[in-house]
Each structure stands twice: as C-alpha cells, then as structure tokens.
Amino acid sequence: MFDVAIVGLGPAGRALASACASAGLQVLAVDPHPDAVWAPTFGMWADELGDLPTTVVRARVDHPEIRGRAAHDLTRTYVILDNPALQAALPLTGVEIERSRLDDDDVLALSGRARVVVDARGARPDGRVRDDLTPHQTAYGIVLPSALAAPALGHAEGFLMDFTPDWAADPDRPEDPASFLYALPLGDGQVLLEETCLAAAPGVPIDTLKVRLGRRLERRGVDPAAIATPSGREVVRIPMLGRGAPPPPGVVAIGTAGRGGHPVSGYSVAHALASAPRLASAIAAGRTPVPDPTRAGDHVRSLALRALLRLDSDTTIELFDAFGRLRPGQQRAFLSRQSSALSVLGAMWGIFRRMPGKAQRRLVAATFGR
C-alpha cells in the first residue's frame, strides 16, 4: 500500500508528490508523460516564491503596469517561471512513477493501492468539452524578439493587463467582452504578447483573440510579417470554476481539478505550490487533506466573477482603471486566493468608489441584477 497516489504531474500534482516524498511517504505518481516539460507560460508575484530557488525565475518585471484609461505601476515585482528549473526544484526522488492516462474509474480504483488518492489531472481531464458554456479565460499569444515587440510596449517594462481598446474594429465603441494585452519579457531577448479575455461564458474563441491581437499590434507599429511568423505561439483555455463536477468518491482533487484556481484572475500555480507542504503534512499525519474548503471569501470572489461575465467593455475598462488606483495592499487582497472575505470586500469597495457614477451603476446591475 502506498501512502498516497497522485494522478497528474502538472504543477499541483508534482509539487504535492515532491512534498510527500520529502516527508518520507510512499508515493505513487501516475501521468502519461511524466518527463514532459510543461508548455504553458507560468507567472506569479515574486513575493509568492517562498523557498523556491532563484533559478526558477526565467524573467522578472520590477514595474509591471496595468492600463485602463491610464497606466498604473503596480509596484510589485512579477516573475515568469522557468518551467524546467521549476520541475527540477520539485524532485520526484523516491516516487514510484507509472506512465498511464486514467479516467475517473481508474482513479477511483487506486484506492485499493493507496491510503489517499489525489486527482491533479486538471479541470478537463478528458479533454475539451464540446460547446462548453462555462466561464473560461482564453488567450492567444505570440513570442517575438524584443526589438520587434518594442512598439507594443512603448516605454513600459511589461503589461500585466493593458485594456486599451485598440484591439477593437472601432476603438471608440469596442465590442464585448473586453480583452487585454498581457505583454511580458521571457528572457533571452524574447517577449510574449498575448491577447486575453479574463472571463467569458462561453470563452471567447481563440480565432477571435488572434484577430484582435493582430489588429492591436499592427496599430502600435509592430511589423505585420513578424506577427504572421512569430518565434512561438501560445493558446490558453482556463475553466474559471475548475472541473465543475465532484471528483470520484473519496478522491481528493487539487489544483484546477478542484477549486484551486482564482475565480477572477485564473491564477493557480502560486496557490498550488504554497498548498503542497500543508497537504503533505496532513497525509503524513494520517489525515485526509482538505485542499480548498469553500470559505466566505470564495463567495465574494464569485460575485466578482459574476460581474466580469456580464460587464460591457467600457465598464470593464473603468473597473480595471479603478483597480490600478487601489493601494498596493488592496490590490494584493483582491488577487490573492488566501485573502479573507473582509479584505476582498474592502478591495472591491475601493474599486467601486474609484469608478465614475455611470460605471458604478452598471457594475451594481451586473453583480446583483437578474
């Protein structure tokens, strides 16, 4: 009998497997491609790195900006992670690894081999769901050399969110829902330029975001030939509410297979890395871990997601312009998965107070209207 069987070796699963092995537990990990380097671009705040070595940082932006009607320096360092280095920092020494793709029945059957079974296969373990109407964050991005990407950034070091509506066919009347430019250096003279819709139900199609990105970049002076033939491409689809179905009976779901993602930002990696030692300690103590219990703060965040899904583009831009004017502590409270309901409410009230009257009325209607 293993102490724990972990299915899926993405960031959440690998972090937990590594933490459990370090605690001296007998660990079984199951993944169809356990040696594969993670493909997505992962970012997080530098102050959330914890005990991770500095080698996991691929690039850093000391002054990331968010732009609504104006540009705002977030005064908080943001880092892009080096995926191979992060995987090396989460060693699987002593972990027994099986190469296999499991369905729900297979995962449940592992309870005959392990005291605790953990599902870390992600929010869509069986692949994309056709005609999926649930809230999604979607994005289409390209990677360009810094010199070619420079016109998109202007004088900014990097954009966490640039809601300037130059993606729209008519920037004075942008269509809904809004999207933003996520533009950050990747190191080695490369820059990721990604058109992102924070949340929509159903998610904005990738082809639509590709058109928006091309339109935005050309208007800023980026060479159309470079846009058409980038050095890399990235597609992002993040189900904002996790899997949307309970895990098999008795199975513990973590990461985006559970409710580990932030329901507004979509971020999940920092939370997964921070949660792993706590979950491993619970397993070592003979308890079944509770990864992400629903708290009052989650209900508040669900209101914020409800509003985002229903706001028009102009009001979304006003909302994030107001977010950029929040005090740094309130910004952190709004973005953190661990924040209390009171601190999230305080941040949301701060955003509301900084919005113009017309946008305030639209935000109230989107949040509480039918």
Protein backbone atom coordinates (compact mmCIF):
# COMPACT_ATOMS: atom_id res chain seq x y z
CA MET A 1 0.00 0.00 0.00
CA PHE A 2 1.18 3.47 -0.87
CA ASP A 3 0.55 6.35 1.49
CA VAL A 4 -0.68 8.47 -1.41
CA ALA A 5 -1.36 8.05 -5.12
CA ILE A 6 -1.26 11.26 -7.17
CA VAL A 7 -2.72 11.31 -10.68
CA GLY A 8 -1.31 14.08 -12.85
CA LEU A 9 2.11 15.70 -12.66
CA GLY A 10 1.34 19.28 -13.58
CA PRO A 11 2.43 21.96 -11.08
CA ALA A 12 -0.12 20.97 -8.41
CA GLY A 13 0.47 17.22 -8.67
CA ARG A 14 4.25 17.42 -8.93
CA ALA A 15 4.54 19.87 -6.03
CA LEU A 16 2.48 17.55 -3.81
CA ALA A 17 4.34 14.42 -4.92
CA SER A 18 7.67 16.10 -4.18
CA ALA A 19 6.49 17.35 -0.78
CA CYS A 20 5.13 13.93 0.17
CA ALA A 21 8.34 12.18 -0.84
CA SER A 22 10.36 14.70 1.19
CA ALA A 23 8.16 13.84 4.18
CA GLY A 24 9.17 10.18 3.85
CA LEU A 25 5.84 8.94 2.46
CA GLN A 26 5.45 6.12 -0.03
CA VAL A 27 4.23 7.93 -3.15
CA LEU A 28 2.79 6.64 -6.41
CA ALA A 29 2.50 9.17 -9.25
CA VAL A 30 0.60 8.40 -12.46
CA ASP A 31 0.94 10.52 -15.59
CA PRO A 32 1.04 9.67 -19.31
CA HIS A 33 4.10 11.89 -19.87
CA PRO A 34 5.85 12.36 -16.53
CA ASP A 35 9.08 13.68 -18.08
CA ALA A 36 7.48 16.27 -20.34
CA VAL A 37 8.41 19.90 -19.80
CA TRP A 38 5.33 21.98 -19.03
CA ALA A 39 4.31 24.01 -22.06
CA PRO A 40 2.29 26.96 -20.65
CA THR A 41 3.93 30.21 -19.60
CA PHE A 42 3.54 30.44 -15.82
CA GLY A 43 3.86 33.71 -13.93
CA MET A 44 3.49 34.73 -10.31
CA TRP A 45 4.40 37.51 -7.91
CA ALA A 46 7.99 37.43 -6.71
CA ASP A 47 6.88 37.67 -3.07
CA GLU A 48 4.99 34.37 -3.51
CA LEU A 49 8.08 32.35 -4.47
CA GLY A 50 8.58 31.21 -0.88
CA ASP A 51 11.51 28.79 -0.53
CA LEU A 52 11.91 28.15 -4.25
CA PRO A 53 15.44 28.80 -5.54
CA THR A 54 16.09 31.85 -7.69
CA THR A 55 16.89 29.51 -10.58
CA VAL A 56 13.15 29.03 -11.19
CA VAL A 57 12.86 32.65 -12.36
CA ARG A 58 13.17 33.00 -16.11
CA ALA A 59 12.48 36.74 -16.25
CA ARG A 60 11.33 39.43 -13.86
CA VAL A 61 9.42 42.67 -14.26
CA ASP A 62 10.00 45.05 -11.38
CA HIS A 63 7.39 47.56 -12.53
CA PRO A 64 4.53 45.73 -14.24
CA GLU A 65 1.76 48.04 -15.40
CA ILE A 66 -1.98 47.73 -15.63
CA ARG A 67 -3.70 50.08 -18.05
CA GLY A 68 -7.34 51.09 -18.20
CA ARG A 69 -7.93 54.73 -19.07
CA ALA A 70 -4.40 55.42 -17.81
CA ALA A 71 -1.28 53.44 -16.95
CA HIS A 72 -0.65 52.36 -13.34
CA ASP A 73 2.58 50.94 -11.90
CA LEU A 74 1.62 48.02 -9.65
CA THR A 75 4.83 48.48 -7.57
CA ARG A 76 5.14 44.71 -7.14
CA THR A 77 7.66 42.51 -8.90
CA TYR A 78 6.21 39.89 -11.24
CA VAL A 79 8.21 36.91 -12.47
CA ILE A 80 7.96 34.48 -15.36
CA LEU A 81 8.91 30.97 -14.29
CA ASP A 82 11.47 28.74 -15.96
CA ASN A 83 9.48 25.52 -16.27
CA PRO A 84 12.40 23.05 -16.48
CA ALA A 85 14.06 24.72 -13.49
CA LEU A 86 10.80 24.69 -11.53
CA GLN A 87 10.33 20.99 -12.25
CA ALA A 88 13.92 20.34 -11.14
CA ALA A 89 13.19 22.24 -7.91
CA LEU A 90 10.33 19.79 -7.26
CA PRO A 91 12.27 16.49 -7.41
CA LEU A 92 10.49 13.16 -7.59
CA THR A 93 13.26 11.21 -5.88
CA GLY A 94 11.80 8.09 -4.30
CA VAL A 95 8.45 8.48 -6.08
CA GLU A 96 7.24 5.41 -7.99
CA ILE A 97 6.04 6.63 -11.38
CA GLU A 98 3.63 4.87 -13.72
CA ARG A 99 3.07 6.11 -17.27
CA SER A 100 -0.64 5.94 -17.93
CA ARG A 101 -3.69 8.08 -18.68
CA LEU A 102 -6.50 7.34 -16.23
CA ASP A 103 -10.21 8.02 -16.37
CA ASP A 104 -12.40 8.55 -13.31
CA ASP A 105 -12.95 4.83 -12.78
CA ASP A 106 -9.22 4.19 -12.95
CA VAL A 107 -8.55 6.95 -10.44
CA LEU A 108 -11.13 5.54 -8.06
CA ALA A 109 -9.58 2.07 -8.40
CA LEU A 110 -6.31 3.42 -6.97
CA SER A 111 -7.99 3.45 -3.55
CA GLY A 112 -7.12 -0.24 -3.47
CA ARG A 113 -3.43 0.62 -3.73
CA ALA A 114 -3.10 3.83 -1.68
CA ARG A 115 -4.46 5.21 1.56
CA VAL A 116 -5.11 8.62 -0.04
CA VAL A 117 -5.85 9.18 -3.74
CA VAL A 118 -5.33 12.64 -5.22
CA ASP A 119 -6.67 13.84 -8.58
CA ALA A 120 -4.45 16.51 -10.14
CA ARG A 121 -5.41 15.93 -13.79
CA GLY A 122 -6.71 19.45 -14.37
CA ALA A 123 -10.14 20.91 -14.96
CA ARG A 124 -10.81 18.94 -18.15
CA PRO A 125 -9.17 15.53 -17.63
CA ASP A 126 -10.99 14.02 -20.61
CA GLY A 127 -10.07 16.86 -22.94
CA ARG A 128 -12.01 19.85 -24.15
CA VAL A 129 -15.78 19.74 -23.78
CA ARG A 130 -17.66 20.50 -26.97
CA ASP A 131 -19.91 23.58 -26.74
CA ASP A 132 -18.61 24.26 -23.23
CA LEU A 133 -20.71 27.15 -21.89
CA THR A 134 -18.93 27.51 -18.55
CA PRO A 135 -16.81 30.59 -17.76
CA HIS A 136 -13.38 30.42 -19.36
CA GLN A 137 -10.30 32.57 -19.58
CA THR A 138 -8.94 32.27 -23.10
CA ALA A 139 -5.86 33.76 -24.73
CA TYR A 140 -3.83 33.71 -27.92
CA GLY A 141 -0.22 34.82 -27.80
CA ILE A 142 2.91 35.09 -29.90
CA VAL A 143 6.57 35.33 -28.97
CA LEU A 144 8.72 37.95 -30.71
CA PRO A 145 12.28 39.21 -30.33
CA SER A 146 12.42 42.23 -28.03
CA ALA A 147 13.28 44.65 -30.82
CA LEU A 148 10.23 43.63 -32.86
CA ALA A 149 7.92 43.66 -29.82
CA ALA A 150 9.09 47.07 -28.59
CA PRO A 151 6.35 49.15 -30.30
CA ALA A 152 3.68 47.15 -28.47
CA LEU A 153 5.20 48.00 -25.08
CA GLY A 154 6.16 51.62 -25.67
CA HIS A 155 8.04 52.73 -22.57
CA ALA A 156 6.53 50.06 -20.32
CA GLU A 157 8.65 47.29 -18.83
CA GLY A 158 5.70 44.93 -19.14
CA PHE A 159 1.90 44.87 -19.06
CA LEU A 160 0.02 42.55 -16.75
CA MET A 161 -3.18 43.91 -18.29
CA ASP A 162 -3.44 46.58 -20.98
CA PHE A 163 -7.12 47.22 -21.64
CA THR A 164 -6.51 49.95 -24.23
CA PRO A 165 -9.28 49.16 -26.78
CA ASP A 166 -7.04 49.34 -29.86
CA TRP A 167 -7.93 45.68 -30.42
CA ALA A 168 -11.45 46.71 -31.45
CA ALA A 169 -12.59 47.35 -35.01
CA ASP A 170 -13.82 50.71 -33.70
CA PRO A 171 -11.77 51.65 -30.60
CA ASP A 172 -14.38 54.27 -29.66
CA ARG A 173 -17.06 51.55 -29.50
CA PRO A 174 -15.31 48.32 -28.52
CA GLU A 175 -17.31 45.14 -28.85
CA ASP A 176 -17.99 42.90 -25.85
CA PRO A 177 -16.43 41.25 -23.97
CA ALA A 178 -13.25 43.22 -23.42
CA SER A 179 -9.82 41.70 -23.82
CA PHE A 180 -6.40 42.93 -22.77
CA LEU A 181 -2.77 42.64 -23.77
CA TYR A 182 -0.55 40.56 -21.49
CA ALA A 183 2.95 41.60 -22.58
CA LEU A 184 5.97 40.42 -20.62
CA PRO A 185 9.63 39.63 -21.31
CA LEU A 186 10.54 35.95 -21.27
CA GLY A 187 14.30 36.40 -21.01
CA ASP A 188 16.87 35.67 -23.74
CA GLY A 189 15.65 38.68 -25.70
CA GLN A 190 12.09 37.34 -26.22
CA VAL A 191 8.72 38.89 -25.35
CA LEU A 192 5.31 37.23 -25.00
CA LEU A 193 2.43 39.28 -26.44
CA GLU A 194 -0.88 37.67 -25.53
CA GLU A 195 -4.45 38.82 -26.15
CA THR A 196 -6.51 37.62 -23.21
CA CYS A 197 -10.16 37.65 -22.24
CA LEU A 198 -10.19 37.46 -18.46
CA ALA A 199 -13.54 35.67 -18.25
CA ALA A 200 -16.44 34.97 -20.57
CA ALA A 201 -19.12 32.30 -20.79
CA PRO A 202 -18.62 30.70 -23.19
CA GLY A 203 -14.97 31.61 -23.61
CA VAL A 204 -14.01 34.00 -26.41
CA PRO A 205 -12.86 31.87 -29.39
CA ILE A 206 -9.11 31.69 -29.96
CA ASP A 207 -9.54 32.82 -33.58
CA THR A 208 -11.27 35.99 -32.37
CA LEU A 209 -8.42 36.75 -29.98
CA LYS A 210 -5.89 36.11 -32.74
CA VAL A 211 -7.60 38.73 -34.92
CA ARG A 212 -7.74 41.18 -32.00
CA LEU A 213 -4.06 40.71 -31.22
CA GLY A 214 -3.01 41.25 -34.82
CA ARG A 215 -5.13 44.38 -35.08
CA ARG A 216 -3.75 45.78 -31.80
CA LEU A 217 -0.11 45.10 -32.63
CA GLU A 218 -0.30 46.48 -36.16
CA ARG A 219 -1.87 49.69 -34.85
CA ARG A 220 1.05 50.05 -32.46
CA GLY A 221 3.58 49.66 -35.23
CA VAL A 222 4.62 46.02 -34.91
CA ASP A 223 5.76 44.58 -38.26
CA PRO A 224 2.88 42.54 -39.77
CA ALA A 225 5.40 39.99 -41.11
CA ALA A 226 6.66 39.39 -37.56
CA ILE A 227 3.09 38.92 -36.32
CA ALA A 228 2.43 36.34 -39.03
CA THR A 229 5.67 34.41 -38.41
CA PRO A 230 6.47 34.61 -34.68
CA SER A 231 9.17 32.56 -32.99
CA GLY A 232 6.49 30.93 -30.83
CA ARG A 233 2.75 30.75 -30.20
CA GLU A 234 0.64 30.04 -27.14
CA VAL A 235 -3.03 29.17 -26.66
CA VAL A 236 -4.67 29.34 -23.22
CA ARG A 237 -8.00 27.91 -22.08
CA ILE A 238 -8.67 28.04 -18.32
CA PRO A 239 -12.04 26.89 -16.92
CA MET A 240 -12.61 29.50 -14.21
CA LEU A 241 -14.72 27.28 -11.95
CA GLY A 242 -12.47 24.26 -12.04
CA ARG A 243 -13.78 20.92 -13.17
CA GLY A 244 -17.41 21.72 -12.47
CA ALA A 245 -18.07 18.19 -11.23
CA PRO A 246 -17.14 16.49 -7.97
CA PRO A 247 -14.15 14.12 -8.01
CA PRO A 248 -14.77 10.37 -7.70
CA PRO A 249 -15.98 9.42 -4.19
CA GLY A 250 -13.20 9.52 -1.63
CA VAL A 251 -10.74 11.14 -4.06
CA VAL A 252 -9.09 14.46 -3.16
CA ALA A 253 -9.00 16.95 -6.06
CA ILE A 254 -6.28 19.62 -6.09
CA GLY A 255 -5.20 22.38 -8.44
CA THR A 256 -7.63 23.15 -11.22
CA ALA A 257 -9.09 19.65 -10.84
CA GLY A 258 -10.53 21.06 -7.61
CA ARG A 259 -11.12 24.72 -6.90
CA GLY A 260 -7.51 25.81 -6.64
CA GLY A 261 -7.70 28.49 -9.32
CA HIS A 262 -8.53 32.10 -8.51
CA PRO A 263 -12.09 32.66 -9.83
CA VAL A 264 -11.27 36.16 -11.10
CA SER A 265 -7.66 36.08 -12.30
CA GLY A 266 -7.49 32.39 -13.18
CA TYR A 267 -4.11 32.08 -11.44
CA SER A 268 -3.47 28.75 -9.75
CA VAL A 269 0.25 27.92 -9.78
CA ALA A 270 1.33 30.01 -6.79
CA HIS A 271 -1.55 28.63 -4.72
CA ALA A 272 -0.72 25.04 -5.75
CA LEU A 273 2.95 25.43 -4.81
CA ALA A 274 2.11 27.05 -1.47
CA SER A 275 -0.51 24.43 -0.60
CA ALA A 276 1.65 21.34 -1.23
CA PRO A 277 3.59 21.27 2.09
CA ARG A 278 0.36 21.67 4.11
CA LEU A 279 -1.36 18.88 2.22
CA ALA A 280 1.68 16.62 2.57
CA SER A 281 1.77 17.25 6.33
CA ALA A 282 -1.88 16.23 6.64
CA ILE A 283 -1.25 12.99 4.75
CA ALA A 284 1.84 12.27 6.85
CA ALA A 285 -0.28 12.75 9.98
CA GLY A 286 -2.76 10.15 8.76
CA ARG A 287 -5.47 12.63 7.81
CA THR A 288 -7.28 13.06 4.52
CA PRO A 289 -6.27 16.53 3.33
CA VAL A 290 -8.84 19.21 2.57
CA PRO A 291 -7.26 21.20 -0.24
CA ASP A 292 -9.56 24.17 -0.82
CA PRO A 293 -12.54 24.34 1.53
CA THR A 294 -15.17 26.85 0.49
CA ARG A 295 -14.84 29.99 2.61
CA ALA A 296 -16.75 33.24 2.80
CA GLY A 297 -14.09 34.90 0.64
CA ASP A 298 -14.88 32.47 -2.18
CA HIS A 299 -18.49 33.61 -2.24
CA VAL A 300 -17.31 37.21 -2.51
CA ARG A 301 -14.97 36.31 -5.36
CA SER A 302 -17.85 34.54 -7.12
CA LEU A 303 -19.72 37.86 -7.11
CA ALA A 304 -16.72 39.49 -8.77
CA LEU A 305 -16.68 36.77 -11.43
CA ARG A 306 -20.44 37.17 -11.97
CA ALA A 307 -19.89 40.88 -12.59
CA LEU A 308 -17.00 40.29 -15.00
CA LEU A 309 -19.07 37.89 -17.06
CA ARG A 310 -21.81 40.48 -17.55
CA LEU A 311 -19.97 43.80 -17.89
CA ASP A 312 -19.66 45.61 -21.21
CA SER A 313 -16.20 46.54 -22.45
CA ASP A 314 -16.33 50.20 -21.40
CA THR A 315 -17.28 49.34 -17.82
CA THR A 316 -14.65 46.59 -17.65
CA ILE A 317 -12.00 49.15 -18.65
CA GLU A 318 -13.27 51.56 -15.98
CA LEU A 319 -13.17 48.76 -13.39
CA PHE A 320 -9.54 47.89 -14.03
CA ASP A 321 -8.56 51.53 -14.23
CA ALA A 322 -10.00 51.83 -10.71
CA PHE A 323 -8.15 48.67 -9.67
CA GLY A 324 -4.91 50.30 -10.81
CA ARG A 325 -5.56 53.19 -8.42
CA LEU A 326 -6.06 50.97 -5.38
CA ARG A 327 -3.50 50.93 -2.60
CA PRO A 328 -0.98 48.07 -3.09
CA GLY A 329 -2.36 46.19 -0.07
CA GLN A 330 -5.87 46.23 -1.52
CA GLN A 331 -4.59 45.04 -4.90
CA ARG A 332 -2.91 42.10 -3.21
CA ALA A 333 -6.06 41.25 -1.26
CA PHE A 334 -8.15 41.20 -4.42
CA LEU A 335 -5.67 38.97 -6.29
CA SER A 336 -4.78 36.54 -3.52
CA ARG A 337 -6.52 33.19 -3.19
CA GLN A 338 -5.87 33.27 0.56
CA SER A 339 -7.44 36.67 1.34
CA SER A 340 -10.31 36.87 3.82
CA ALA A 341 -13.80 37.85 2.77
CA LEU A 342 -13.45 41.16 4.63
CA SER A 343 -10.24 42.11 2.84
CA VAL A 344 -11.67 41.14 -0.57
CA LEU A 345 -14.80 43.19 0.15
CA GLY A 346 -12.60 46.11 1.16
CA ALA A 347 -10.73 45.90 -2.13
CA MET A 348 -13.97 45.63 -4.11
CA TRP A 349 -15.40 48.65 -2.31
CA GLY A 350 -12.20 50.55 -3.09
CA ILE A 351 -12.61 49.71 -6.77
CA PHE A 352 -16.27 50.76 -6.73
CA ARG A 353 -15.52 54.12 -5.07
CA ARG A 354 -12.96 54.95 -7.75
CA MET A 355 -15.29 54.29 -10.69
CA PRO A 356 -17.40 57.02 -12.32
CA GLY A 357 -21.12 57.07 -11.50
CA LYS A 358 -22.36 55.53 -14.74
CA ALA A 359 -19.88 52.67 -14.46
CA GLN A 360 -20.87 52.17 -10.81
CA ARG A 361 -24.50 51.70 -11.77
CA ARG A 362 -23.57 49.20 -14.47
CA LEU A 363 -21.36 47.29 -12.04
CA VAL A 364 -24.19 47.02 -9.49
CA ALA A 365 -26.59 45.80 -12.18
CA ALA A 366 -24.06 43.22 -13.42
CA THR A 367 -23.39 41.96 -9.90
CA PHE A 368 -26.88 41.81 -8.46
CA GLY A 369 -29.30 42.12 -11.42
CA ARG A 370 -31.24 39.26 -12.94
